[in-house]
Amino acid sequence: MGHLRVADASVFPRITHGNTHAPTLMVGEEAADLLRAG
């Protein structure tokens, strides 16, 4: 699989005390923006 990128909760330096779903979605959205920008 060429050009595969993974953006998930593994990029967090520390796990939050609350739900990790929303921060993980934000990481994915930011990664998508960065990839689109080139």
Protein backbone atom coordinates (compact mmCIF):
# COMPACT_ATOMS: atom_id res chain seq x y z
CA MET A 1 0.00 0.00 0.00
CA GLY A 2 1.75 3.11 -1.19
CA HIS A 3 1.14 6.56 0.25
CA LEU A 4 -0.66 5.23 3.33
CA ARG A 5 -0.98 7.74 6.17
CA VAL A 6 -2.31 7.05 9.66
CA ALA A 7 -3.69 9.81 11.87
CA ASP A 8 -5.13 8.51 15.11
CA ALA A 9 -4.85 8.78 18.88
CA SER A 10 -1.34 7.30 18.84
CA VAL A 11 0.02 10.81 18.10
CA PHE A 12 -1.11 12.11 21.50
CA PRO A 13 1.82 12.54 23.91
CA ARG A 14 -0.55 11.89 26.84
CA ILE A 15 -4.04 10.38 26.84
CA THR A 16 -6.72 12.77 28.04
CA HIS A 17 -8.80 11.98 31.11
CA GLY A 18 -12.04 12.31 29.16
CA ASN A 19 -13.37 10.88 25.96
CA THR A 20 -10.74 10.57 23.20
CA HIS A 21 -13.20 10.54 20.29
CA ALA A 22 -13.44 14.30 19.65
CA PRO A 23 -9.69 15.02 19.90
CA THR A 24 -8.99 12.07 17.60
CA LEU A 25 -11.44 13.45 15.03
CA MET A 26 -9.67 16.81 15.20
CA VAL A 27 -6.31 15.12 14.57
CA GLY A 28 -7.76 13.39 11.52
CA GLU A 29 -9.24 16.60 10.17
CA GLU A 30 -5.97 18.49 10.64
CA ALA A 31 -4.02 15.69 8.97
CA ALA A 32 -6.43 15.74 6.02
CA ASP A 33 -6.01 19.51 5.69
CA LEU A 34 -2.21 19.17 5.74
CA LEU A 35 -2.27 16.42 3.12
CA ARG A 36 -4.59 18.42 0.85
CA ALA A 37 -2.34 21.47 1.13
CA GLY A 38 0.56 19.42 -0.13
